Amino acid sequence: MSVLDYVFGVLFILVCIALVVLVLMQEGKNQGLGAIQGTVENTYWGKNKGRSREGILKKITVGLSVLFVVFAIVLNMGLF
């Protein structure tokens, strides 16, 4: 095994841990009493969800998911 195999392996493990932590930090889709009434979209919070903490967590989760897939493919192909 080369040094790059170890580097990619460590990066892959770090991305996996970060992905698990980010998924656990996110709220469920049916959180709060507003979800029962269906009025969550009409609030200021619902309209600006992309700029909120949840929106940022979702964007980071998507980015880490892409990194996860790329690292998994690279490590399985044995390019390094």
N, C-alpha and C. Protein backbone atom coordinates (compact mmCIF):
# COMPACT_ATOMS: atom_id res chain seq x y z
N MET A 1 0.85 -1.18 0.00
CA MET A 1 0.00 0.00 0.00
C MET A 1 0.89 1.24 0.00
N SER A 2 0.48 2.19 -0.79
CA SER A 2 1.25 3.42 -0.87
C SER A 2 0.77 4.42 0.18
N VAL A 3 1.49 5.51 0.26
CA VAL A 3 1.15 6.56 1.23
C VAL A 3 -0.20 7.19 0.88
N LEU A 4 -0.48 7.32 -0.41
CA LEU A 4 -1.76 7.92 -0.80
C LEU A 4 -2.95 7.05 -0.39
N ASP A 5 -2.77 5.75 -0.35
CA ASP A 5 -3.84 4.88 0.13
C ASP A 5 -4.18 5.21 1.59
N TYR A 6 -3.16 5.40 2.38
CA TYR A 6 -3.38 5.74 3.79
C TYR A 6 -4.00 7.12 3.94
N VAL A 7 -3.54 8.07 3.12
CA VAL A 7 -4.09 9.43 3.19
C VAL A 7 -5.56 9.41 2.82
N PHE A 8 -5.91 8.75 1.70
CA PHE A 8 -7.31 8.68 1.30
C PHE A 8 -8.14 7.89 2.29
N GLY A 9 -7.56 6.87 2.90
CA GLY A 9 -8.28 6.10 3.92
C GLY A 9 -8.61 6.94 5.14
N VAL A 10 -7.64 7.73 5.59
CA VAL A 10 -7.88 8.61 6.75
C VAL A 10 -8.90 9.69 6.39
N LEU A 11 -8.79 10.28 5.21
CA LEU A 11 -9.77 11.29 4.80
C LEU A 11 -11.17 10.68 4.68
N PHE A 12 -11.24 9.45 4.18
CA PHE A 12 -12.52 8.76 4.06
C PHE A 12 -13.15 8.54 5.43
N ILE A 13 -12.36 8.14 6.40
CA ILE A 13 -12.87 7.93 7.76
C ILE A 13 -13.34 9.25 8.37
N LEU A 14 -12.59 10.32 8.16
CA LEU A 14 -12.99 11.63 8.69
C LEU A 14 -14.30 12.11 8.05
N VAL A 15 -14.44 11.90 6.73
CA VAL A 15 -15.69 12.28 6.06
C VAL A 15 -16.85 11.44 6.59
N CYS A 16 -16.63 10.16 6.83
CA CYS A 16 -17.68 9.29 7.37
C CYS A 16 -18.14 9.76 8.75
N ILE A 17 -17.19 10.07 9.61
CA ILE A 17 -17.54 10.54 10.96
C ILE A 17 -18.28 11.86 10.89
N ALA A 18 -17.79 12.79 10.06
CA ALA A 18 -18.45 14.09 9.94
C ALA A 18 -19.86 13.94 9.38
N LEU A 19 -20.04 13.03 8.44
CA LEU A 19 -21.36 12.80 7.85
C LEU A 19 -22.34 12.25 8.87
N VAL A 20 -21.89 11.32 9.69
CA VAL A 20 -22.76 10.76 10.72
C VAL A 20 -23.16 11.84 11.73
N VAL A 21 -22.19 12.65 12.14
CA VAL A 21 -22.48 13.71 13.11
C VAL A 21 -23.46 14.73 12.53
N LEU A 22 -23.26 15.13 11.27
CA LEU A 22 -24.17 16.10 10.65
C LEU A 22 -25.59 15.56 10.50
N VAL A 23 -25.72 14.30 10.14
CA VAL A 23 -27.05 13.71 9.99
C VAL A 23 -27.76 13.66 11.35
N LEU A 24 -27.01 13.35 12.39
CA LEU A 24 -27.62 13.29 13.72
C LEU A 24 -27.97 14.68 14.26
N MET A 25 -27.29 15.71 13.79
CA MET A 25 -27.57 17.07 14.26
C MET A 25 -28.84 17.65 13.64
N GLN A 26 -29.27 17.11 12.50
CA GLN A 26 -30.43 17.67 11.81
C GLN A 26 -31.72 17.28 12.50
N GLU A 27 -32.70 18.18 12.40
CA GLU A 27 -34.03 17.90 12.95
C GLU A 27 -34.82 17.06 11.97
N GLY A 28 -35.81 16.36 12.50
CA GLY A 28 -36.69 15.59 11.65
C GLY A 28 -37.61 16.50 10.86
N LYS A 29 -38.22 15.97 9.81
CA LYS A 29 -39.10 16.79 8.98
C LYS A 29 -40.40 17.16 9.68
N ASN A 30 -40.82 16.40 10.67
CA ASN A 30 -42.08 16.66 11.34
C ASN A 30 -41.86 17.23 12.74
N GLN A 31 -40.84 18.04 12.94
CA GLN A 31 -40.58 18.64 14.24
C GLN A 31 -41.52 19.83 14.46
N GLY A 32 -42.00 19.97 15.64
CA GLY A 32 -42.79 21.13 16.00
C GLY A 32 -44.27 20.96 15.75
N LEU A 33 -45.07 21.76 16.44
CA LEU A 33 -46.52 21.70 16.29
C LEU A 33 -47.00 22.35 15.00
N GLY A 34 -46.18 23.23 14.42
CA GLY A 34 -46.57 23.87 13.17
C GLY A 34 -46.65 22.87 12.03
N ALA A 35 -45.90 21.80 12.10
CA ALA A 35 -45.94 20.79 11.05
C ALA A 35 -47.27 20.05 11.04
N ILE A 36 -47.93 19.96 12.20
CA ILE A 36 -49.22 19.29 12.27
C ILE A 36 -50.28 20.11 11.53
N GLN A 37 -50.22 21.42 11.70
CA GLN A 37 -51.20 22.30 11.08
C GLN A 37 -50.84 22.62 9.63
N GLY A 38 -49.61 22.38 9.24
CA GLY A 38 -49.20 22.69 7.87
C GLY A 38 -48.87 24.15 7.66
N THR A 39 -48.59 24.89 8.73
CA THR A 39 -48.34 26.32 8.59
C THR A 39 -46.87 26.68 8.67
N VAL A 40 -46.00 25.70 8.61
CA VAL A 40 -44.57 25.97 8.75
C VAL A 40 -44.04 26.76 7.55
N GLU A 41 -44.56 26.51 6.35
CA GLU A 41 -44.06 27.18 5.15
C GLU A 41 -44.41 28.66 5.13
N ASN A 42 -45.44 29.07 5.85
CA ASN A 42 -45.90 30.45 5.79
C ASN A 42 -45.18 31.38 6.76
N THR A 43 -44.32 30.85 7.57
CA THR A 43 -43.61 31.67 8.54
C THR A 43 -42.34 32.23 7.93
N TYR A 44 -41.77 33.21 8.60
CA TYR A 44 -40.48 33.76 8.16
C TYR A 44 -39.42 32.68 8.17
N TRP A 45 -39.44 31.83 9.19
CA TRP A 45 -38.47 30.76 9.31
C TRP A 45 -38.59 29.78 8.14
N GLY A 46 -39.79 29.46 7.75
CA GLY A 46 -39.99 28.52 6.65
C GLY A 46 -39.57 29.08 5.31
N LYS A 47 -39.76 30.38 5.10
CA LYS A 47 -39.39 31.01 3.83
C LYS A 47 -37.88 31.16 3.69
N ASN A 48 -37.16 31.34 4.79
CA ASN A 48 -35.72 31.54 4.74
C ASN A 48 -34.96 30.33 5.27
N LYS A 49 -35.46 29.16 4.99
CA LYS A 49 -34.87 27.94 5.53
C LYS A 49 -33.46 27.70 4.99
N GLY A 50 -33.16 28.15 3.77
CA GLY A 50 -31.84 27.95 3.20
C GLY A 50 -30.76 28.72 3.92
N ARG A 51 -31.12 29.81 4.58
CA ARG A 51 -30.14 30.62 5.31
C ARG A 51 -30.06 30.25 6.78
N SER A 52 -30.91 29.36 7.21
CA SER A 52 -30.96 28.99 8.62
C SER A 52 -29.90 27.94 8.92
N ARG A 53 -29.84 27.56 10.17
CA ARG A 53 -28.91 26.52 10.61
C ARG A 53 -29.22 25.21 9.91
N GLU A 54 -30.49 24.89 9.80
CA GLU A 54 -30.88 23.64 9.14
C GLU A 54 -30.52 23.64 7.66
N GLY A 55 -30.70 24.78 7.01
CA GLY A 55 -30.35 24.88 5.59
C GLY A 55 -28.86 24.70 5.36
N ILE A 56 -28.06 25.29 6.24
CA ILE A 56 -26.61 25.17 6.13
C ILE A 56 -26.18 23.72 6.40
N LEU A 57 -26.79 23.09 7.41
CA LEU A 57 -26.46 21.70 7.70
C LEU A 57 -26.81 20.79 6.52
N LYS A 58 -27.92 21.08 5.86
CA LYS A 58 -28.32 20.27 4.72
C LYS A 58 -27.33 20.42 3.57
N LYS A 59 -26.87 21.65 3.31
CA LYS A 59 -25.91 21.86 2.22
C LYS A 59 -24.58 21.18 2.52
N ILE A 60 -24.12 21.25 3.75
CA ILE A 60 -22.87 20.60 4.12
C ILE A 60 -23.01 19.08 4.03
N THR A 61 -24.18 18.56 4.41
CA THR A 61 -24.42 17.12 4.33
C THR A 61 -24.38 16.64 2.89
N VAL A 62 -24.95 17.40 1.99
CA VAL A 62 -24.92 17.03 0.57
C VAL A 62 -23.48 17.03 0.06
N GLY A 63 -22.72 18.05 0.42
CA GLY A 63 -21.33 18.11 0.00
C GLY A 63 -20.50 16.95 0.53
N LEU A 64 -20.68 16.62 1.80
CA LEU A 64 -19.96 15.49 2.38
C LEU A 64 -20.41 14.16 1.78
N SER A 65 -21.67 14.07 1.39
CA SER A 65 -22.15 12.84 0.74
C SER A 65 -21.48 12.64 -0.61
N VAL A 66 -21.29 13.72 -1.34
CA VAL A 66 -20.59 13.63 -2.63
C VAL A 66 -19.14 13.22 -2.39
N LEU A 67 -18.48 13.82 -1.39
CA LEU A 67 -17.11 13.43 -1.06
C LEU A 67 -17.03 11.96 -0.65
N PHE A 68 -18.02 11.49 0.09
CA PHE A 68 -18.07 10.09 0.51
C PHE A 68 -18.09 9.17 -0.70
N VAL A 69 -18.93 9.48 -1.67
CA VAL A 69 -19.04 8.64 -2.86
C VAL A 69 -17.74 8.68 -3.67
N VAL A 70 -17.17 9.87 -3.82
CA VAL A 70 -15.93 10.00 -4.59
C VAL A 70 -14.80 9.21 -3.92
N PHE A 71 -14.64 9.37 -2.61
CA PHE A 71 -13.59 8.63 -1.90
C PHE A 71 -13.83 7.12 -1.98
N ALA A 72 -15.08 6.68 -1.88
CA ALA A 72 -15.38 5.26 -1.96
C ALA A 72 -15.01 4.70 -3.33
N ILE A 73 -15.30 5.45 -4.37
CA ILE A 73 -14.96 4.99 -5.74
C ILE A 73 -13.45 4.95 -5.91
N VAL A 74 -12.76 6.01 -5.48
CA VAL A 74 -11.31 6.07 -5.64
C VAL A 74 -10.62 4.95 -4.87
N LEU A 75 -11.07 4.72 -3.64
CA LEU A 75 -10.45 3.67 -2.85
C LEU A 75 -10.72 2.27 -3.40
N ASN A 76 -11.91 2.05 -3.95
CA ASN A 76 -12.23 0.73 -4.50
C ASN A 76 -11.57 0.46 -5.84
N MET A 77 -11.30 1.50 -6.61
CA MET A 77 -10.64 1.32 -7.90
C MET A 77 -9.16 1.05 -7.73
N GLY A 78 -8.59 1.44 -6.60
CA GLY A 78 -7.18 1.20 -6.36
C GLY A 78 -6.28 2.01 -7.27
N LEU A 79 -6.65 3.24 -7.53
CA LEU A 79 -5.85 4.08 -8.43
C LEU A 79 -4.51 4.47 -7.83
N PHE A 80 -4.43 4.48 -6.51
CA PHE A 80 -3.18 4.91 -5.87
C PHE A 80 -2.52 3.77 -5.16
